[in-house]
Protein backbone atom coordinates (compact mmCIF):
# COMPACT_ATOMS: atom_id res chain seq x y z
CA MET A 1 -43.86 32.44 -17.32
CA SER A 2 -43.47 29.91 -14.53
CA LYS A 3 -46.15 29.57 -11.87
CA LYS A 4 -43.86 31.05 -9.26
CA ASN A 5 -44.12 34.39 -11.06
CA ILE A 6 -47.90 34.61 -10.72
CA VAL A 7 -49.34 35.87 -7.44
CA SER A 8 -53.08 35.97 -6.85
CA ILE A 9 -54.46 39.27 -5.63
CA SER A 10 -56.42 37.64 -2.84
CA GLY A 11 -53.38 35.82 -1.49
CA TYR A 12 -51.16 38.85 -1.94
CA THR A 13 -53.60 41.12 -0.12
CA MET A 14 -53.66 38.75 2.84
CA LEU A 15 -49.85 38.63 2.81
CA CYS A 16 -49.69 42.43 2.88
CA LEU A 17 -52.01 42.57 5.87
CA CYS A 18 -49.88 40.11 7.76
CA LEU A 19 -46.66 41.87 6.84
CA SER A 20 -48.09 45.23 7.90
CA ILE A 21 -48.73 43.81 11.35
CA LEU A 22 -45.26 42.31 11.50
CA ALA A 23 -43.67 45.55 10.35
CA GLY A 24 -45.34 47.45 13.16
CA CYS A 25 -43.66 45.12 15.65
CA ALA A 26 -40.30 44.96 13.92
CA PRO A 27 -37.16 46.56 15.30
CA HIS A 28 -36.01 49.76 13.66
CA GLY A 29 -33.51 49.25 10.90
CA SER A 30 -30.66 51.10 9.27
CA PRO A 31 -30.82 53.11 6.06
CA ILE A 32 -30.87 51.20 2.79
CA THR A 33 -27.31 50.70 1.65
CA GLY A 34 -25.57 48.64 -0.96
CA PRO A 35 -22.29 48.31 -2.83
CA THR A 36 -21.74 49.78 -6.26
CA VAL A 37 -19.63 48.27 -9.01
CA SER A 38 -16.87 49.93 -10.94
CA ASP A 39 -19.18 51.39 -13.60
CA GLY A 40 -21.14 53.22 -10.91
CA SER A 41 -24.31 51.17 -11.33
CA LEU A 42 -26.07 49.44 -8.48
CA GLU A 43 -24.89 46.04 -7.35
CA ALA A 44 -27.60 43.60 -6.32
CA PHE A 45 -28.07 44.09 -2.60
CA THR A 46 -30.19 43.31 0.42
CA PRO A 47 -31.19 46.39 2.42
CA VAL A 48 -29.59 46.42 5.84
CA ALA A 49 -33.02 47.10 7.35
CA ALA A 50 -34.17 43.69 6.13
CA LEU A 51 -31.30 41.52 7.35
CA ALA A 52 -32.80 40.70 10.74
CA LEU A 53 -36.35 40.38 9.40
CA PRO A 54 -38.28 37.98 7.17
CA THR A 55 -37.38 38.50 3.51
CA ALA A 56 -40.50 40.44 2.54
CA VAL A 57 -40.52 42.79 5.53
CA ARG A 58 -38.78 46.16 5.83
CA ALA A 59 -38.52 47.90 9.18
CA THR A 60 -39.84 51.43 9.53
CA PRO A 61 -37.27 54.11 10.43
CA ALA A 62 -37.13 55.36 14.01
CA THR A 63 -37.48 59.03 13.11
CA ASN A 64 -38.23 61.30 10.18
CA GLU A 65 -34.50 62.00 10.01
CA ASP A 66 -33.82 58.28 9.69
CA ALA A 67 -36.42 58.00 6.95
CA SER A 68 -34.88 60.89 5.05
CA ALA A 69 -31.39 59.43 5.36
CA GLN A 70 -32.62 56.02 4.22
CA GLN A 71 -34.34 57.49 1.20
CA THR A 72 -31.36 59.65 0.26
CA ALA A 73 -29.04 56.64 0.43
CA TRP A 74 -31.35 54.64 -1.82
CA LEU A 75 -31.73 57.50 -4.32
CA GLN A 76 -27.96 57.90 -4.56
CA ILE A 77 -27.50 54.19 -5.24
CA ALA A 78 -30.47 53.98 -7.61
CA LYS A 79 -29.46 57.21 -9.40
CA LEU A 80 -32.95 58.64 -9.32
CA GLY A 81 -34.52 61.94 -8.36
CA PRO A 82 -31.88 64.61 -7.64
CA TYR A 83 -29.13 62.01 -8.22
CA ALA A 84 -30.24 61.01 -11.73
CA PRO A 85 -27.44 61.48 -14.31
CA SER A 86 -27.96 63.66 -17.36
CA SER A 87 -27.57 60.57 -19.54
CA GLN A 88 -27.74 56.86 -18.79
CA ASP A 89 -25.44 53.97 -19.63
CA LEU A 90 -27.84 51.29 -20.83
CA ALA A 91 -25.16 48.60 -20.99
CA ALA A 92 -24.26 49.23 -17.34
CA ILE A 93 -27.94 49.13 -16.38
CA VAL A 94 -28.33 45.77 -18.12
CA GLU A 95 -25.37 44.24 -16.32
CA ALA A 96 -26.49 45.57 -12.93
CA ALA A 97 -30.03 44.33 -13.58
CA LYS A 98 -28.70 40.84 -14.28
CA ARG A 99 -26.88 40.87 -10.95
CA GLU A 100 -30.04 41.97 -9.16
CA GLY A 101 -31.78 39.01 -10.76
CA LYS A 102 -35.42 39.98 -10.24
CA VAL A 103 -38.03 42.65 -10.86
CA THR A 104 -41.52 42.96 -9.33
CA ILE A 105 -44.28 44.87 -11.13
CA TYR A 106 -47.63 46.10 -9.79
CA SER A 107 -49.90 46.34 -12.84
CA ASN A 108 -53.44 46.84 -14.11
CA SER A 109 -52.99 44.77 -17.28
CA SER A 110 -53.33 41.03 -17.74
CA ARG A 111 -51.31 41.43 -20.96
CA LEU A 112 -48.20 42.13 -18.91
CA LYS A 113 -47.57 38.40 -18.55
CA TYR A 114 -46.82 38.16 -22.29
CA ALA A 115 -44.34 41.04 -22.15
CA ALA A 116 -42.77 39.47 -19.05
CA GLU A 117 -42.30 36.12 -20.78
CA GLU A 118 -40.48 37.76 -23.68
CA PHE A 119 -38.39 39.83 -21.28
CA MET A 120 -37.22 36.69 -19.45
CA ALA A 121 -36.45 35.04 -22.79
CA ARG A 122 -34.17 37.95 -23.65
CA TYR A 123 -32.75 38.30 -20.12
CA PRO A 124 -32.85 34.80 -18.58
CA GLU A 125 -30.80 36.02 -15.61
CA ILE A 126 -33.76 38.15 -14.42
CA ASP A 127 -36.90 36.65 -12.90
CA VAL A 128 -40.10 38.68 -13.35
CA GLU A 129 -42.88 38.74 -10.78
CA THR A 130 -46.10 40.34 -12.01
CA LEU A 131 -49.07 41.23 -9.86
CA ASP A 132 -52.11 42.07 -11.97
CA MET A 133 -54.32 43.75 -9.38
CA GLY A 134 -55.99 46.66 -11.17
CA THR A 135 -55.17 50.34 -10.78
CA LYS A 136 -57.12 50.91 -7.56
CA ASP A 137 -55.52 47.99 -5.72
CA ALA A 138 -52.08 48.72 -7.17
CA ILE A 139 -52.17 52.23 -5.71
CA LEU A 140 -53.68 51.10 -2.42
CA THR A 141 -51.12 48.32 -1.97
CA LEU A 142 -48.16 50.51 -2.90
CA ARG A 143 -49.31 53.36 -0.64
CA ASN A 144 -49.86 51.04 2.34
CA GLU A 145 -46.49 49.37 1.90
CA GLN A 146 -44.67 52.67 1.58
CA MET A 147 -46.31 54.04 4.73
CA ALA A 148 -45.32 50.87 6.57
CA GLY A 149 -41.71 51.09 5.38
CA GLU A 150 -42.06 47.91 3.28
CA TYR A 151 -40.44 47.82 -0.16
CA HIS A 152 -41.71 45.00 -2.36
CA CYS A 153 -42.54 46.78 -5.61
CA ASP A 154 -39.99 47.78 -8.25
CA VAL A 155 -42.22 49.09 -11.06
CA TYR A 156 -45.64 50.73 -10.89
CA PHE A 157 -47.45 50.08 -14.19
CA ALA A 158 -51.02 51.40 -14.11
CA GLY A 159 -53.13 54.53 -14.40
CA ASP A 160 -54.91 57.06 -12.15
CA ALA A 161 -53.12 60.30 -13.01
CA PRO A 162 -54.76 62.38 -10.24
CA THR A 163 -53.62 60.10 -7.41
CA LEU A 164 -50.19 59.47 -8.90
CA ILE A 165 -49.37 63.08 -9.62
CA HIS A 166 -50.99 64.67 -6.57
CA GLU A 167 -50.18 62.05 -3.92
CA LEU A 168 -47.67 59.36 -4.79
CA LEU A 169 -45.21 61.48 -6.77
CA PRO A 170 -45.00 64.48 -4.39
CA GLY A 171 -45.06 62.02 -1.48
CA HIS A 172 -41.93 60.38 -2.92
CA MET A 173 -43.64 57.00 -3.15
CA VAL A 174 -42.76 56.73 -6.84
CA TRP A 175 -39.95 58.25 -8.92
CA THR A 176 -39.80 59.26 -12.55
CA PHE A 177 -37.49 57.41 -14.91
CA VAL A 178 -37.30 58.29 -18.61
CA PRO A 179 -34.75 56.39 -20.71
CA THR A 180 -32.34 58.84 -22.31
CA GLU A 181 -32.94 57.67 -25.86
CA LEU A 182 -36.70 58.20 -25.52
CA GLN A 183 -36.57 61.87 -24.62
CA ALA A 184 -36.30 62.87 -28.27
CA VAL A 185 -39.25 60.75 -29.42
CA ILE A 186 -41.76 61.41 -26.62
CA ALA A 187 -43.41 64.81 -26.27
CA ASN A 188 -42.98 66.50 -22.92
CA PRO A 189 -46.59 66.02 -21.68
CA TYR A 190 -46.08 62.25 -21.97
CA ARG A 191 -42.84 62.12 -19.95
CA ASP A 192 -43.22 64.92 -17.42
CA PRO A 193 -44.01 64.61 -14.58
CA LEU A 194 -44.28 60.83 -15.21
CA LEU A 195 -43.59 58.56 -18.17
CA VAL A 196 -46.66 57.45 -20.15
CA GLN A 197 -46.43 53.94 -21.60
CA ARG A 198 -49.62 54.07 -23.64
CA LEU A 199 -52.83 56.03 -24.18
CA SER A 200 -56.27 54.45 -24.12
CA LEU A 201 -59.41 56.17 -25.40
CA ASP A 202 -63.11 56.17 -24.47
CA PHE A 203 -65.70 56.79 -27.23
CA VAL A 204 -69.38 56.49 -28.00
CA ILE A 205 -70.01 53.49 -30.27
CA TYR A 206 -72.99 52.66 -32.49
CA ASN A 207 -74.24 49.61 -34.40
CA SER A 208 -72.94 49.88 -37.97
CA ASP A 209 -75.15 46.99 -39.14
CA THR A 210 -78.36 48.84 -38.23
CA TYR A 211 -77.22 52.39 -38.97
CA ASP A 212 -75.70 53.40 -42.29
CA ALA A 213 -74.43 56.64 -40.70
CA PRO A 214 -73.81 57.81 -37.13
CA PRO A 215 -77.19 58.33 -35.42
CA ILE A 216 -75.93 61.24 -33.29
CA ASP A 217 -73.39 64.03 -33.69
CA ASN A 218 -73.34 65.70 -30.25
CA TRP A 219 -72.93 64.47 -26.68
CA TRP A 220 -76.12 66.34 -25.81
CA ASP A 221 -78.04 63.94 -28.10
CA LEU A 222 -77.67 61.34 -25.35
CA THR A 223 -79.94 63.46 -23.14
CA ARG A 224 -82.81 63.44 -25.68
CA PRO A 225 -85.93 61.34 -24.96
CA GLU A 226 -85.32 59.02 -27.91
CA TRP A 227 -82.19 57.69 -26.20
CA ALA A 228 -83.75 57.16 -22.78
CA GLY A 229 -82.69 53.75 -21.48
CA LYS A 230 -80.74 53.10 -24.67
CA VAL A 231 -77.16 53.96 -23.68
CA VAL A 232 -74.97 51.26 -22.11
CA LEU A 233 -71.73 51.78 -20.18
CA GLN A 234 -69.79 50.55 -17.19
CA ASN A 235 -70.85 52.09 -13.90
CA PRO A 236 -68.20 54.77 -13.29
CA LEU A 237 -68.84 54.53 -9.55
CA HIS A 238 -67.42 51.00 -9.72
CA HIS A 239 -64.86 51.58 -12.47
CA PRO A 240 -62.90 54.76 -11.65
CA ALA A 241 -61.21 55.01 -15.06
CA ARG A 242 -64.62 55.37 -16.70
CA MET A 243 -65.36 58.41 -14.51
CA TYR A 244 -62.60 60.48 -16.13
CA LEU A 245 -64.66 61.03 -19.28
CA PHE A 246 -67.31 62.81 -17.23
CA VAL A 247 -64.74 64.68 -15.16
CA SER A 248 -63.34 66.04 -18.43
CA MET A 249 -66.82 67.35 -19.30
CA VAL A 250 -66.89 69.30 -16.06
CA GLN A 251 -63.41 70.63 -16.74
CA GLN A 252 -64.43 71.63 -20.29
CA ALA A 253 -67.70 73.26 -19.22
CA GLU A 254 -67.50 76.18 -21.65
CA LYS A 255 -67.20 73.83 -24.61
CA MET A 256 -70.09 71.75 -23.27
CA ALA A 257 -72.18 74.95 -23.09
CA GLU A 258 -71.26 75.82 -26.67
CA ALA A 259 -72.21 72.31 -27.80
CA TYR A 260 -75.58 72.67 -26.05
CA GLU A 261 -76.29 75.88 -27.94
CA THR A 262 -75.27 74.23 -31.21
CA GLU A 263 -77.58 71.29 -30.55
CA PHE A 264 -80.66 73.09 -29.20
CA GLY A 265 -80.31 76.58 -30.67
CA GLU A 266 -80.41 78.42 -27.36
CA ARG A 267 -78.09 79.21 -24.47
CA ILE A 268 -77.99 76.69 -21.67
CA GLN A 269 -79.89 77.40 -18.46
CA LEU A 270 -78.24 75.79 -15.46
CA ASP A 271 -80.24 74.17 -12.70
CA GLU A 272 -79.48 75.45 -9.23
CA GLU A 273 -77.49 72.36 -8.20
CA CYS A 274 -75.40 72.36 -11.43
CA PRO A 275 -72.25 74.53 -11.15
CA ASN A 276 -71.59 74.40 -14.90
CA ALA A 277 -72.67 72.83 -18.19
CA GLY A 278 -70.69 69.65 -17.55
CA TYR A 279 -72.70 68.94 -14.41
CA GLN A 280 -75.90 69.86 -16.26
CA TRP A 281 -75.10 67.24 -18.93
CA ILE A 282 -74.46 64.60 -16.25
CA LYS A 283 -77.79 65.37 -14.56
CA ALA A 284 -79.70 65.19 -17.85
CA PHE A 285 -77.88 62.02 -18.93
CA LEU A 286 -78.65 60.23 -15.67
CA ALA A 287 -82.28 61.32 -15.87
CA ASN A 288 -82.36 59.37 -19.16
CA GLU A 289 -81.53 56.24 -17.12
CA PRO A 290 -78.54 54.69 -18.92
CA THR A 291 -77.95 50.97 -18.44
CA TYR A 292 -74.87 49.69 -16.63
CA LEU A 293 -73.12 46.58 -17.93
CA LEU A 294 -70.27 44.65 -16.34
CA GLY A 295 -67.45 45.28 -18.81
CA GLY A 296 -66.28 46.24 -22.27
CA ILE A 297 -67.14 42.95 -23.97
CA GLU A 298 -70.72 43.12 -22.68
CA ILE A 299 -71.04 46.67 -24.03
CA ALA A 300 -69.56 45.63 -27.38
CA GLU A 301 -72.02 42.74 -27.68
CA ALA A 302 -75.02 44.81 -26.59
CA VAL A 303 -74.25 47.47 -29.19
CA GLY A 304 -72.67 45.46 -32.00
CA THR A 305 -74.67 42.25 -32.26
CA PRO A 306 -76.03 42.11 -35.82
CA ASP A 307 -79.70 42.06 -36.90
CA GLN A 308 -80.93 44.37 -34.14
CA PHE A 309 -83.92 46.59 -34.89
CA ASP A 310 -83.25 49.24 -32.25
CA PRO A 311 -79.77 48.76 -30.76
CA PRO A 312 -78.41 50.93 -27.95
CA LEU A 313 -75.44 53.24 -28.10
CA GLY A 314 -72.46 52.47 -25.88
CA ILE A 315 -69.70 54.33 -24.11
CA ALA A 316 -66.66 52.08 -24.21
CA PRO A 317 -62.89 51.96 -24.62
CA TYR A 318 -61.70 52.15 -28.23
CA ALA A 319 -59.81 48.90 -27.59
CA GLN A 320 -63.15 47.08 -27.77
CA HIS A 321 -63.16 47.78 -31.51
CA SER A 322 -60.82 44.84 -32.04
CA LYS A 323 -63.81 42.62 -31.23
CA VAL A 324 -65.49 43.72 -34.46
CA ILE A 325 -63.18 41.30 -36.26
CA ARG A 326 -62.70 38.66 -33.56
CA HIS A 327 -66.32 38.35 -32.42
CA ASN A 328 -68.27 39.08 -35.62
CA LEU A 329 -69.71 42.28 -34.16
CA TYR A 330 -70.73 45.43 -36.00
CA PHE A 331 -70.00 48.75 -34.36
CA GLU A 332 -67.99 51.88 -35.01
CA PRO A 333 -66.73 54.70 -32.78
CA LEU A 334 -68.10 58.22 -33.23
CA PHE A 335 -64.91 60.12 -34.01
CA ASP A 336 -66.64 63.38 -34.96
CA LEU A 337 -68.88 63.87 -31.94
CA ALA A 338 -69.21 67.46 -30.68
CA PRO A 339 -67.64 69.00 -28.69
CA CYS A 340 -65.02 66.20 -28.51
CA SER A 341 -64.48 62.66 -29.70
CA GLY A 342 -63.69 61.31 -26.26
CA VAL A 343 -61.03 61.32 -23.59
CA SER A 344 -57.46 59.98 -23.56
CA LEU A 345 -56.38 58.00 -20.52
CA PRO A 346 -52.67 57.43 -19.83
CA THR A 347 -51.05 54.37 -18.30
CA TYR A 348 -47.85 55.23 -16.47
CA LEU A 349 -44.53 53.61 -15.68
CA ALA A 350 -42.65 54.65 -12.54
CA ILE A 351 -40.08 53.20 -10.16
CA ALA A 352 -41.37 52.56 -6.66
CA ASN A 353 -39.55 54.29 -3.83
CA GLY A 354 -37.09 51.93 -2.15
CA ALA A 355 -37.34 49.43 -5.02
CA PRO A 356 -35.15 46.43 -4.13
CA HIS A 357 -34.09 46.03 -7.79
CA PRO A 358 -33.84 49.54 -9.29
CA ASN A 359 -31.68 48.62 -12.27
CA ALA A 360 -33.98 45.74 -13.22
CA ALA A 361 -36.84 48.25 -12.87
CA LYS A 362 -35.10 50.63 -15.29
CA LEU A 363 -34.48 47.81 -17.76
CA MET A 364 -38.11 46.69 -17.53
CA ILE A 365 -39.27 50.24 -18.26
CA HIS A 366 -36.97 50.29 -21.31
CA TRP A 367 -38.58 47.03 -22.41
CA LEU A 368 -42.22 48.02 -21.84
CA MET A 369 -41.78 51.25 -23.81
CA GLY A 370 -41.16 49.12 -26.89
CA GLU A 371 -38.91 49.14 -29.91
CA PRO A 372 -39.56 51.11 -33.14
CA SER A 373 -40.02 48.16 -35.46
CA GLU A 374 -43.24 46.87 -37.01
CA GLU A 375 -41.73 43.40 -37.06
CA GLN A 376 -40.78 43.45 -33.38
CA MET A 377 -42.31 45.87 -30.91
CA GLY A 378 -40.38 44.49 -27.96
CA GLY A 379 -42.22 44.80 -24.68
CA PHE A 380 -44.89 47.05 -26.19
CA ALA A 381 -46.15 44.27 -28.48
CA PRO A 382 -49.12 43.18 -26.29
CA TRP A 383 -50.48 46.75 -26.41
CA TRP A 384 -49.73 47.47 -30.09
CA VAL A 385 -53.34 46.79 -30.96
CA LEU A 386 -56.34 48.71 -32.21
CA GLY A 387 -57.45 51.13 -29.49
CA GLU A 388 -54.08 51.70 -27.83
CA TYR A 389 -51.45 54.26 -28.84
CA SER A 390 -47.79 54.61 -27.92
CA PRO A 391 -46.58 58.12 -27.01
CA ARG A 392 -43.42 57.39 -29.00
CA SER A 393 -43.34 59.25 -32.32
CA ASP A 394 -41.22 56.46 -33.85
CA ILE A 395 -43.76 53.69 -33.14
CA PRO A 396 -46.46 53.62 -35.84
CA ASP A 397 -50.18 53.43 -35.15
CA PRO A 398 -51.60 49.89 -34.98
CA GLU A 399 -53.17 48.42 -38.09
CA HIS A 400 -56.66 49.79 -38.89
CA ALA A 401 -56.38 52.43 -36.16
CA TYR A 402 -57.63 55.96 -36.66
CA PRO A 403 -54.47 58.04 -37.18
CA TRP A 404 -53.25 59.47 -33.88
CA ALA A 405 -52.05 62.63 -35.63
CA ASP A 406 -55.65 63.36 -36.68
CA LEU A 407 -57.25 62.15 -33.47
CA GLU A 408 -55.15 63.76 -30.75
CA SER A 409 -56.62 67.26 -31.18
CA ARG A 410 -60.17 65.87 -30.96
CA LEU A 411 -59.62 64.32 -27.54
CA TRP A 412 -59.87 65.92 -24.13
CA PRO A 413 -56.84 65.06 -22.01
CA LEU A 414 -57.64 64.96 -18.33
CA ASP A 415 -56.59 68.16 -16.57
CA ARG A 416 -54.30 66.58 -14.01
CA GLN A 417 -53.99 69.77 -11.96
CA SER A 418 -57.65 69.90 -10.97
CA ALA A 419 -58.75 66.30 -11.55
CA HIS A 420 -57.77 65.16 -8.08
CA ASP A 421 -60.47 67.36 -6.52
CA ASP A 422 -62.89 67.15 -9.45
CA VAL A 423 -63.10 63.34 -9.38
CA GLN A 424 -64.65 63.25 -5.93
CA SER A 425 -66.98 66.14 -6.71
CA VAL A 426 -68.25 64.47 -9.89
CA ARG A 427 -68.56 61.14 -8.14
CA ASP A 428 -70.69 62.66 -5.37
CA PHE A 429 -72.84 64.47 -7.93
CA TRP A 430 -73.29 61.24 -9.91
CA GLU A 431 -74.44 59.38 -6.79
CA ARG A 432 -76.94 62.10 -5.84
CA HIS A 433 -78.54 62.19 -9.29
CA THR A 434 -78.73 58.49 -10.06
CA PRO A 435 -82.44 57.59 -10.25
């Protein structure tokens, strides 16, 4: 990828601040319009609202009615939302995408640059701009731009199901696009209400050089005195994706209560400030003073370095297991932990509202969802690694991976309906009970 395709987050954030100020002073523009070609796909176009403004700025509509008309016009041209066809013409999308000539992606993955390079090799007519800014900043930037009437982003490629599904999607800041040919190979929960590109997993890991067998078999073991100060993880207050594991415990409180009784042989007694067994586990776990480390590699090294007499346990993404081979580490995930193995975390693909290049966005989504070939995974190749799973039934599990068919039922998917409220509640509880 050429240097012009790489934008630093610090520089981009400053640009957004400046553009937000400019947008507030800009004259009101007309609805987004653009010509279509004979096959009905979108011709490359410049929104009318941008013609009198600097290239990156979009004027905010004068009234709610103007905003609605502008959005409707864009949806009709982009063929999204209520104007999406029952089936898509991929060849027409490809040709329209080439005419648009560019696609901009807000992402949480540094591996996107490799997929982008291969995309541009296949489609040299289309320039790819990737902004690797992390999920939190991707959502914040997209939300701020949308509220200011600025349309820079074409594809949102990150996580945070609660915010996406409860704020951005109903707020019409992103739109669902599922390629027609994928509907038969992706189960409904992974394409409705938004398309999932991959699933990542969080597990407890242990040192397989020191221990011949797993040293624990229940999440409640981590609250026992013998593990005090001997569990390492990222601070979920600083890494929101890591908080979802503990939110799932709150959501699955009955199963956490059953696991307590299995472990200790008696029914759980809740403290006054603990609404359910999930909160009780969090309180007991924090009282055991776990250790926070910066990232996944630090956790992998702390747990998996060989020749340790008394190594800690870790809570880490399954993707860290690839370091067992690359970094000469020795650790294994606990797949049979009660009451669940871990939590599955989706990464989504969506088209940003008002995307300047909607056909290129559709083509990029096609690309990032991959191709069902072990020899060539297409745009999914950078994520076809141990610890990541495609939702496509026709893409096999990565080499050495625990079979998804056996693992899926052991995982707790985040309850997206209640997670939006639960995240803040769990976060506040975590802060109050941190020693």
